[in-house]
Amino acid sequence: MSSPPRKLIDPASLPYRPCVGAVLINKDGLVFVGNRIQMFDVGPNTWQMPQGGIDKGEEPQDAALRELQEETGVAPHLVDIIGEIDDWLTYDLPPELVGYALKGKYRGQKQRWFALRFNGADHNIDLAADAHQEFSDWRWEPLSEIVNLIVPFKRHIYERIAKDFAPLAKPAKIRIT
């Protein structure tokens, strides 16, 4: 059985999907990465940080906390927002994914990224917390290593995240009272 003929779509005719991303930083200064459950073959680098769409009328900060909870099970009370990239960072899908990925409606995504200090413990992470599970596995990684884990078409965004949030990805200071 052959695949249906591919509908040619000019990517420039499609908008970017408004989206957010969450850089979850633990007490040791490491960041959460999840191995994304793939619907399309995008190669071997399928690790990424939590990210997802902004609902109509939702503020980016609220969307970041919601997406974090949906994808990792980490409740908003377990994090502090410690940083934000003020720019919208964009990426384009590879031509072979345009018309298929992102429900076929977008050429790529425009994203706002937030750095979040994780005040919980590993047992607070539950990849199956939401009915639509995004990740098959997860681990903590140095922020400087995330660029090597992501699909090539998102790499420039992860380079920017690594640069901008490097001062925040440090071990947490212990408060003595």
N, C-alpha and C. Protein backbone atom coordinates (compact mmCIF):
# COMPACT_ATOMS: atom_id res chain seq x y z
N MET A 1 0.85 -1.17 0.00
CA MET A 1 0.00 0.00 0.00
C MET A 1 0.90 1.23 0.00
N SER A 2 0.64 2.15 -0.88
CA SER A 2 1.46 3.36 -0.96
C SER A 2 0.82 4.50 -0.18
N SER A 3 1.66 5.47 0.16
CA SER A 3 1.19 6.64 0.90
C SER A 3 0.39 7.54 -0.05
N PRO A 4 -0.55 8.31 0.50
CA PRO A 4 -1.27 9.25 -0.36
C PRO A 4 -0.31 10.29 -0.91
N PRO A 5 -0.62 10.86 -2.08
CA PRO A 5 0.29 11.88 -2.62
C PRO A 5 0.42 13.04 -1.65
N ARG A 6 1.61 13.54 -1.57
CA ARG A 6 1.89 14.64 -0.65
C ARG A 6 1.38 15.96 -1.23
N LYS A 7 0.67 16.69 -0.42
CA LYS A 7 0.17 18.01 -0.82
C LYS A 7 1.31 19.01 -0.61
N LEU A 8 1.68 19.70 -1.66
CA LEU A 8 2.74 20.69 -1.56
C LEU A 8 2.20 21.96 -0.91
N ILE A 9 2.88 22.38 0.13
CA ILE A 9 2.48 23.58 0.86
C ILE A 9 3.67 24.51 0.91
N ASP A 10 3.43 25.76 0.60
CA ASP A 10 4.47 26.77 0.71
C ASP A 10 4.57 27.15 2.19
N PRO A 11 5.69 26.82 2.87
CA PRO A 11 5.80 27.13 4.30
C PRO A 11 5.56 28.61 4.61
N ALA A 12 5.96 29.48 3.71
CA ALA A 12 5.79 30.92 3.96
C ALA A 12 4.32 31.31 4.05
N SER A 13 3.42 30.46 3.55
CA SER A 13 1.98 30.76 3.62
C SER A 13 1.37 30.39 4.97
N LEU A 14 2.15 29.72 5.81
CA LEU A 14 1.66 29.27 7.11
C LEU A 14 2.22 30.13 8.24
N PRO A 15 1.45 30.31 9.32
CA PRO A 15 1.95 31.08 10.47
C PRO A 15 2.83 30.22 11.37
N TYR A 16 3.47 30.89 12.34
CA TYR A 16 4.18 30.20 13.41
C TYR A 16 3.19 29.93 14.54
N ARG A 17 3.32 28.80 15.19
CA ARG A 17 2.48 28.47 16.33
C ARG A 17 3.04 29.14 17.57
N PRO A 18 2.23 29.94 18.29
CA PRO A 18 2.69 30.54 19.55
C PRO A 18 2.91 29.43 20.60
N CYS A 19 4.05 29.49 21.24
CA CYS A 19 4.47 28.38 22.10
C CYS A 19 5.34 28.91 23.24
N VAL A 20 5.50 28.09 24.27
CA VAL A 20 6.39 28.41 25.38
C VAL A 20 7.31 27.22 25.64
N GLY A 21 8.39 27.49 26.34
CA GLY A 21 9.29 26.43 26.77
C GLY A 21 9.71 26.66 28.21
N ALA A 22 10.02 25.56 28.90
CA ALA A 22 10.39 25.61 30.32
C ALA A 22 11.74 24.94 30.53
N VAL A 23 12.68 25.70 31.07
CA VAL A 23 13.99 25.17 31.44
C VAL A 23 13.93 24.91 32.94
N LEU A 24 13.75 23.65 33.31
CA LEU A 24 13.61 23.26 34.71
C LEU A 24 15.00 22.96 35.26
N ILE A 25 15.43 23.76 36.24
CA ILE A 25 16.77 23.66 36.80
C ILE A 25 16.68 23.13 38.23
N ASN A 26 17.39 22.02 38.48
CA ASN A 26 17.33 21.43 39.82
C ASN A 26 18.34 22.08 40.77
N LYS A 27 18.37 21.61 42.01
CA LYS A 27 19.24 22.20 43.04
C LYS A 27 20.72 22.06 42.72
N ASP A 28 21.07 21.11 41.83
CA ASP A 28 22.46 20.91 41.44
C ASP A 28 22.85 21.73 40.21
N GLY A 29 21.90 22.51 39.68
CA GLY A 29 22.18 23.33 38.49
C GLY A 29 22.03 22.58 37.18
N LEU A 30 21.45 21.38 37.22
CA LEU A 30 21.22 20.59 36.01
C LEU A 30 19.81 20.84 35.50
N VAL A 31 19.59 20.61 34.21
CA VAL A 31 18.28 20.87 33.61
C VAL A 31 17.61 19.57 33.18
N PHE A 32 16.29 19.59 33.26
CA PHE A 32 15.46 18.45 32.86
C PHE A 32 15.44 18.36 31.34
N VAL A 33 15.65 17.16 30.81
CA VAL A 33 15.40 16.86 29.40
C VAL A 33 14.61 15.57 29.33
N GLY A 34 13.67 15.55 28.39
CA GLY A 34 12.86 14.36 28.18
C GLY A 34 13.08 13.82 26.78
N ASN A 35 13.00 12.51 26.65
CA ASN A 35 13.11 11.86 25.35
C ASN A 35 11.72 11.85 24.74
N ARG A 36 11.53 12.67 23.73
CA ARG A 36 10.21 12.88 23.14
C ARG A 36 9.71 11.64 22.42
N ILE A 37 8.45 11.30 22.67
CA ILE A 37 7.80 10.22 21.93
C ILE A 37 7.53 10.78 20.53
N GLN A 38 8.10 10.14 19.51
CA GLN A 38 8.08 10.68 18.16
C GLN A 38 6.91 10.16 17.33
N MET A 39 6.28 11.07 16.61
CA MET A 39 5.27 10.69 15.62
C MET A 39 5.87 10.71 14.22
N PHE A 40 6.99 11.41 14.05
CA PHE A 40 7.67 11.52 12.77
C PHE A 40 9.14 11.20 12.99
N ASP A 41 9.79 10.68 11.97
CA ASP A 41 11.21 10.38 12.07
C ASP A 41 12.00 11.69 11.92
N VAL A 42 12.60 12.12 13.01
CA VAL A 42 13.39 13.36 12.98
C VAL A 42 14.85 13.09 13.31
N GLY A 43 15.24 11.82 13.34
CA GLY A 43 16.62 11.48 13.61
C GLY A 43 16.84 11.05 15.05
N PRO A 44 18.11 10.89 15.44
CA PRO A 44 18.44 10.33 16.74
C PRO A 44 18.33 11.30 17.92
N ASN A 45 18.37 12.59 17.67
CA ASN A 45 18.37 13.56 18.78
C ASN A 45 16.94 13.97 19.12
N THR A 46 16.32 13.20 19.98
CA THR A 46 14.91 13.43 20.30
C THR A 46 14.69 13.89 21.74
N TRP A 47 15.75 14.36 22.38
CA TRP A 47 15.62 14.89 23.74
C TRP A 47 15.30 16.36 23.65
N GLN A 48 14.44 16.84 24.52
CA GLN A 48 14.14 18.26 24.56
C GLN A 48 13.62 18.63 25.94
N MET A 49 13.47 19.93 26.15
CA MET A 49 12.88 20.43 27.39
C MET A 49 11.38 20.60 27.18
N PRO A 50 10.60 20.67 28.26
CA PRO A 50 9.16 20.83 28.11
C PRO A 50 8.81 22.09 27.31
N GLN A 51 7.86 21.93 26.40
CA GLN A 51 7.40 23.06 25.60
C GLN A 51 6.02 22.73 25.05
N GLY A 52 5.28 23.75 24.69
CA GLY A 52 3.97 23.51 24.11
C GLY A 52 3.25 24.80 23.81
N GLY A 53 2.09 24.65 23.21
CA GLY A 53 1.32 25.79 22.72
C GLY A 53 0.71 26.65 23.81
N ILE A 54 0.46 27.88 23.43
CA ILE A 54 -0.23 28.84 24.30
C ILE A 54 -1.71 28.81 23.93
N ASP A 55 -2.56 28.56 24.89
CA ASP A 55 -4.00 28.55 24.65
C ASP A 55 -4.52 29.97 24.43
N LYS A 56 -5.61 30.09 23.71
CA LYS A 56 -6.21 31.40 23.45
C LYS A 56 -6.50 32.12 24.77
N GLY A 57 -6.02 33.37 24.87
CA GLY A 57 -6.23 34.18 26.07
C GLY A 57 -5.27 33.89 27.20
N GLU A 58 -4.36 32.94 27.04
CA GLU A 58 -3.43 32.54 28.09
C GLU A 58 -2.15 33.38 28.00
N GLU A 59 -1.62 33.79 29.13
CA GLU A 59 -0.35 34.50 29.18
C GLU A 59 0.79 33.49 29.05
N PRO A 60 1.90 33.87 28.40
CA PRO A 60 3.01 32.93 28.23
C PRO A 60 3.51 32.30 29.54
N GLN A 61 3.63 33.09 30.60
CA GLN A 61 4.10 32.55 31.88
C GLN A 61 3.16 31.46 32.39
N ASP A 62 1.86 31.70 32.29
CA ASP A 62 0.88 30.70 32.73
C ASP A 62 0.94 29.45 31.86
N ALA A 63 1.14 29.65 30.56
CA ALA A 63 1.26 28.52 29.63
C ALA A 63 2.49 27.68 29.97
N ALA A 64 3.60 28.33 30.34
CA ALA A 64 4.82 27.59 30.68
C ALA A 64 4.59 26.71 31.92
N LEU A 65 3.91 27.24 32.92
CA LEU A 65 3.63 26.45 34.12
C LEU A 65 2.67 25.30 33.81
N ARG A 66 1.67 25.56 32.98
CA ARG A 66 0.72 24.51 32.59
C ARG A 66 1.41 23.41 31.80
N GLU A 67 2.20 23.81 30.80
CA GLU A 67 2.91 22.81 29.97
C GLU A 67 3.88 21.99 30.82
N LEU A 68 4.57 22.65 31.74
CA LEU A 68 5.49 21.93 32.61
C LEU A 68 4.74 20.86 33.40
N GLN A 69 3.59 21.21 33.95
CA GLN A 69 2.83 20.25 34.73
C GLN A 69 2.29 19.13 33.84
N GLU A 70 1.79 19.47 32.66
CA GLU A 70 1.26 18.44 31.77
C GLU A 70 2.34 17.45 31.33
N GLU A 71 3.53 17.96 31.04
CA GLU A 71 4.57 17.10 30.46
C GLU A 71 5.45 16.41 31.49
N THR A 72 5.52 16.96 32.70
CA THR A 72 6.42 16.38 33.71
C THR A 72 5.72 16.02 35.02
N GLY A 73 4.50 16.49 35.21
CA GLY A 73 3.81 16.27 36.48
C GLY A 73 4.23 17.23 37.58
N VAL A 74 5.17 18.13 37.28
CA VAL A 74 5.67 19.08 38.29
C VAL A 74 4.65 20.20 38.48
N ALA A 75 4.09 20.29 39.67
CA ALA A 75 3.08 21.29 39.99
C ALA A 75 3.72 22.68 40.11
N PRO A 76 2.97 23.73 39.76
CA PRO A 76 3.51 25.10 39.81
C PRO A 76 4.07 25.50 41.17
N HIS A 77 3.53 24.98 42.28
CA HIS A 77 4.03 25.39 43.59
C HIS A 77 5.44 24.82 43.87
N LEU A 78 5.92 23.92 43.00
CA LEU A 78 7.25 23.34 43.19
C LEU A 78 8.34 24.07 42.41
N VAL A 79 7.98 25.19 41.77
CA VAL A 79 8.97 25.93 40.98
C VAL A 79 8.88 27.43 41.26
N ASP A 80 9.99 28.09 41.01
CA ASP A 80 10.04 29.56 41.01
C ASP A 80 10.53 29.98 39.64
N ILE A 81 9.86 30.95 39.03
CA ILE A 81 10.34 31.49 37.76
C ILE A 81 11.51 32.41 38.07
N ILE A 82 12.67 32.07 37.51
CA ILE A 82 13.89 32.84 37.82
C ILE A 82 14.46 33.56 36.59
N GLY A 83 13.86 33.34 35.43
CA GLY A 83 14.36 34.01 34.23
C GLY A 83 13.41 33.85 33.07
N GLU A 84 13.58 34.74 32.09
CA GLU A 84 12.76 34.71 30.89
C GLU A 84 13.55 35.31 29.74
N ILE A 85 13.42 34.71 28.56
CA ILE A 85 13.97 35.32 27.35
C ILE A 85 12.84 36.16 26.77
N ASP A 86 13.06 37.47 26.69
CA ASP A 86 12.00 38.39 26.27
C ASP A 86 11.64 38.29 24.79
N ASP A 87 12.55 37.76 23.98
CA ASP A 87 12.29 37.65 22.54
C ASP A 87 11.45 36.41 22.23
N TRP A 88 10.73 36.48 21.11
CA TRP A 88 10.09 35.30 20.54
C TRP A 88 11.15 34.63 19.67
N LEU A 89 11.50 33.39 20.00
CA LEU A 89 12.47 32.63 19.23
C LEU A 89 11.72 31.73 18.26
N THR A 90 12.12 31.75 16.99
CA THR A 90 11.39 30.97 15.99
C THR A 90 12.25 29.87 15.39
N TYR A 91 11.57 28.81 15.00
CA TYR A 91 12.20 27.77 14.19
C TYR A 91 11.21 27.33 13.13
N ASP A 92 11.77 26.92 11.99
CA ASP A 92 10.98 26.38 10.88
C ASP A 92 11.11 24.87 10.87
N LEU A 93 10.01 24.21 10.57
CA LEU A 93 10.05 22.77 10.39
C LEU A 93 10.84 22.43 9.13
N PRO A 94 11.48 21.28 9.10
CA PRO A 94 12.10 20.85 7.85
C PRO A 94 11.01 20.68 6.78
N PRO A 95 11.34 20.91 5.52
CA PRO A 95 10.33 20.84 4.44
C PRO A 95 9.51 19.55 4.45
N GLU A 96 10.13 18.43 4.77
CA GLU A 96 9.39 17.15 4.74
C GLU A 96 8.36 17.03 5.85
N LEU A 97 8.40 17.91 6.86
CA LEU A 97 7.42 17.87 7.95
C LEU A 97 6.32 18.92 7.81
N VAL A 98 6.54 19.92 6.95
CA VAL A 98 5.53 20.96 6.74
C VAL A 98 4.28 20.30 6.14
N GLY A 99 3.15 20.61 6.73
CA GLY A 99 1.89 20.02 6.28
C GLY A 99 1.52 18.76 7.04
N TYR A 100 2.44 18.24 7.85
CA TYR A 100 2.19 17.04 8.65
C TYR A 100 2.33 17.32 10.14
N ALA A 101 3.53 17.73 10.55
CA ALA A 101 3.77 18.03 11.97
C ALA A 101 2.98 19.27 12.36
N LEU A 102 2.77 19.43 13.66
CA LEU A 102 2.00 20.57 14.21
C LEU A 102 0.63 20.65 13.55
N LYS A 103 0.02 19.48 13.35
CA LYS A 103 -1.32 19.34 12.76
C LYS A 103 -1.41 19.91 11.35
N GLY A 104 -0.26 20.14 10.72
CA GLY A 104 -0.25 20.64 9.35
C GLY A 104 -0.63 22.09 9.20
N LYS A 105 -0.80 22.80 10.32
CA LYS A 105 -1.29 24.18 10.28
C LYS A 105 -0.20 25.24 10.39
N TYR A 106 1.02 24.84 10.71
CA TYR A 106 2.07 25.82 11.01
C TYR A 106 3.36 25.50 10.27
N ARG A 107 4.14 26.54 10.03
CA ARG A 107 5.46 26.38 9.40
C ARG A 107 6.54 26.05 10.42
N GLY A 108 6.24 26.32 11.68
CA GLY A 108 7.16 26.11 12.80
C GLY A 108 6.55 26.74 14.03
N GLN A 109 7.41 27.12 14.96
CA GLN A 109 6.91 27.72 16.21
C GLN A 109 7.67 28.99 16.54
N LYS A 110 6.95 29.89 17.23
CA LYS A 110 7.59 31.04 17.87
C LYS A 110 7.41 30.81 19.35
N GLN A 111 8.53 30.87 20.08
CA GLN A 111 8.53 30.44 21.47
C GLN A 111 9.05 31.52 22.43
N ARG A 112 8.43 31.55 23.62
CA ARG A 112 8.96 32.30 24.75
C ARG A 112 9.46 31.28 25.75
N TRP A 113 10.68 31.49 26.25
CA TRP A 113 11.30 30.52 27.15
C TRP A 113 11.46 31.09 28.56
N PHE A 114 11.20 30.23 29.55
CA PHE A 114 11.29 30.59 30.96
C PHE A 114 12.25 29.63 31.68
N ALA A 115 13.05 30.18 32.59
CA ALA A 115 13.90 29.37 33.47
C ALA A 115 13.16 29.21 34.79
N LEU A 116 13.10 27.98 35.28
CA LEU A 116 12.36 27.67 36.50
C LEU A 116 13.26 26.90 37.46
N ARG A 117 13.34 27.37 38.69
CA ARG A 117 14.08 26.65 39.74
C ARG A 117 13.15 25.59 40.31
N PHE A 118 13.58 24.33 40.24
CA PHE A 118 12.81 23.20 40.75
C PHE A 118 13.10 23.03 42.23
N ASN A 119 12.06 23.18 43.05
CA ASN A 119 12.19 23.07 44.50
C ASN A 119 11.71 21.71 45.01
N GLY A 120 11.37 20.82 44.10
CA GLY A 120 10.88 19.51 44.48
C GLY A 120 11.98 18.47 44.46
N ALA A 121 11.56 17.22 44.36
CA ALA A 121 12.48 16.07 44.30
C ALA A 121 12.12 15.23 43.08
N ASP A 122 13.04 14.35 42.70
CA ASP A 122 12.82 13.54 41.51
C ASP A 122 11.49 12.78 41.54
N HIS A 123 11.04 12.37 42.71
CA HIS A 123 9.78 11.62 42.77
C HIS A 123 8.57 12.50 42.42
N ASN A 124 8.74 13.82 42.34
CA ASN A 124 7.66 14.71 41.92
C ASN A 124 7.49 14.72 40.40
N ILE A 125 8.40 14.10 39.68
CA ILE A 125 8.32 14.06 38.22
C ILE A 125 7.56 12.81 37.81
N ASP A 126 6.51 13.02 37.01
CA ASP A 126 5.65 11.93 36.55
C ASP A 126 5.32 12.18 35.08
N LEU A 127 6.01 11.47 34.18
CA LEU A 127 5.82 11.68 32.75
C LEU A 127 4.43 11.29 32.28
N ALA A 128 3.73 10.45 33.04
CA ALA A 128 2.39 10.00 32.66
C ALA A 128 1.30 10.78 33.38
N ALA A 129 1.63 11.96 33.90
CA ALA A 129 0.66 12.75 34.65
C ALA A 129 -0.51 13.21 33.78
N ASP A 130 -0.27 13.39 32.50
CA ASP A 130 -1.29 13.85 31.57
C ASP A 130 -1.66 12.70 30.63
N ALA A 131 -2.89 12.68 30.16
CA ALA A 131 -3.34 11.62 29.26
C ALA A 131 -2.54 11.59 27.95
N HIS A 132 -2.02 12.75 27.54
CA HIS A 132 -1.22 12.83 26.31
C HIS A 132 0.26 12.91 26.68
N GLN A 133 0.86 11.76 26.96
CA GLN A 133 2.26 11.71 27.41
C GLN A 133 3.20 12.16 26.29
N GLU A 134 4.11 13.08 26.61
CA GLU A 134 5.06 13.64 25.64
C GLU A 134 6.41 12.93 25.63
N PHE A 135 6.85 12.45 26.81
CA PHE A 135 8.19 11.89 26.93
C PHE A 135 8.13 10.42 27.34
N SER A 136 9.11 9.65 26.84
CA SER A 136 9.22 8.23 27.22
C SER A 136 10.20 8.04 28.37
N ASP A 137 11.12 8.99 28.54
CA ASP A 137 12.17 8.89 29.55
C ASP A 137 12.64 10.30 29.86
N TRP A 138 13.38 10.46 30.96
CA TRP A 138 13.91 11.78 31.29
C TRP A 138 15.21 11.61 32.07
N ARG A 139 15.96 12.73 32.15
CA ARG A 139 17.20 12.77 32.93
C ARG A 139 17.59 14.22 33.16
N TRP A 140 18.55 14.42 34.06
CA TRP A 140 19.13 15.74 34.31
C TRP A 140 20.42 15.86 33.50
N GLU A 141 20.63 17.01 32.88
CA GLU A 141 21.83 17.26 32.07
C GLU A 141 22.37 18.66 32.36
N PRO A 142 23.67 18.87 32.18
CA PRO A 142 24.19 20.25 32.25
C PRO A 142 23.58 21.07 31.11
N LEU A 143 23.26 22.30 31.38
CA LEU A 143 22.68 23.18 30.36
C LEU A 143 23.57 23.25 29.12
N SER A 144 24.87 23.23 29.32
CA SER A 144 25.81 23.32 28.21
C SER A 144 25.73 22.13 27.25
N GLU A 145 25.13 21.03 27.68
CA GLU A 145 25.04 19.82 26.84
C GLU A 145 23.75 19.70 26.06
N ILE A 146 22.75 20.53 26.36
CA ILE A 146 21.43 20.35 25.73
C ILE A 146 21.45 20.57 24.23
N VAL A 147 22.33 21.41 23.74
CA VAL A 147 22.38 21.70 22.30
C VAL A 147 22.66 20.42 21.51
N ASN A 148 23.45 19.52 22.08
CA ASN A 148 23.81 18.28 21.38
C ASN A 148 22.70 17.23 21.42
N LEU A 149 21.63 17.48 22.18
CA LEU A 149 20.57 16.49 22.35
C LEU A 149 19.34 16.76 21.50
N ILE A 150 19.24 17.96 20.94
CA ILE A 150 18.01 18.40 20.27
C ILE A 150 18.10 18.15 18.76
N VAL A 151 16.93 18.04 18.12
CA VAL A 151 16.89 17.89 16.66
C VAL A 151 17.56 19.10 16.02
N PRO A 152 18.22 18.90 14.88
CA PRO A 152 18.99 20.00 14.26
C PRO A 152 18.18 21.26 13.97
N PHE A 153 16.92 21.14 13.60
CA PHE A 153 16.16 22.34 13.23
C PHE A 153 15.78 23.22 14.43
N LYS A 154 15.97 22.72 15.65
CA LYS A 154 15.73 23.53 16.85
C LYS A 154 17.04 23.94 17.54
N ARG A 155 18.15 23.52 17.00
CA ARG A 155 19.44 23.71 17.67
C ARG A 155 19.75 25.18 17.95
N HIS A 156 19.46 26.07 17.02
CA HIS A 156 19.78 27.49 17.23
C HIS A 156 19.01 28.07 18.43
N ILE A 157 17.82 27.58 18.67
CA ILE A 157 17.06 28.03 19.84
C ILE A 157 17.73 27.54 21.12
N TYR A 158 18.14 26.29 21.15
CA TYR A 158 18.80 25.74 22.33
C TYR A 158 20.15 26.40 22.58
N GLU A 159 20.83 26.83 21.54
CA GLU A 159 22.08 27.58 21.72
C GLU A 159 21.79 28.90 22.43
N ARG A 160 20.72 29.56 22.05
CA ARG A 160 20.35 30.83 22.68
C ARG A 160 19.95 30.60 24.15
N ILE A 161 19.18 29.56 24.40
CA ILE A 161 18.76 29.24 25.77
C ILE A 161 19.98 28.96 26.64
N ALA A 162 20.90 28.16 26.12
CA ALA A 162 22.12 27.82 26.88
C ALA A 162 22.92 29.07 27.21
N LYS A 163 23.01 29.99 26.26
CA LYS A 163 23.76 31.24 26.48
C LYS A 163 23.05 32.14 27.49
N ASP A 164 21.76 32.37 27.28
CA ASP A 164 21.03 33.32 28.12
C ASP A 164 20.81 32.83 29.54
N PHE A 165 20.59 31.53 29.71
CA PHE A 165 20.28 31.00 31.03
C PHE A 165 21.49 30.40 31.76
N ALA A 166 22.66 30.46 31.15
CA ALA A 166 23.87 29.90 31.79
C ALA A 166 24.09 30.45 33.21
N PRO A 167 23.92 31.77 33.44
CA PRO A 167 24.13 32.27 34.81
C PRO A 167 23.12 31.71 35.83
N LEU A 168 21.99 31.21 35.35
CA LEU A 168 20.95 30.69 36.25
C LEU A 168 21.09 29.19 36.53
N ALA A 169 21.80 28.49 35.65
CA ALA A 169 21.94 27.04 35.79
C ALA A 169 23.14 26.71 36.68
N LYS A 170 23.03 27.11 37.90
CA LYS A 170 24.07 26.89 38.92
C LYS A 170 23.41 26.17 40.11
N PRO A 171 24.22 25.49 40.91
CA PRO A 171 23.63 24.88 42.11
C PRO A 171 22.96 25.95 42.97
N ALA A 172 21.83 25.55 43.58
CA ALA A 172 21.08 26.48 44.43
C ALA A 172 21.87 26.78 45.69
N LYS A 173 21.79 28.02 46.11
CA LYS A 173 22.44 28.41 47.36
C LYS A 173 21.54 27.97 48.52
N ILE A 174 22.16 27.42 49.50
CA ILE A 174 21.42 26.99 50.69
C ILE A 174 21.26 28.17 51.62
N ARG A 175 20.02 28.40 52.03
CA ARG A 175 19.76 29.50 52.97
C ARG A 175 19.84 29.00 54.40
N ILE A 176 20.63 29.67 55.22
CA ILE A 176 20.72 29.33 56.63
C ILE A 176 20.01 30.43 57.40
N THR A 177 19.03 30.03 58.16
CA THR A 177 18.26 31.04 58.93
C THR A 177 18.43 30.85 60.41
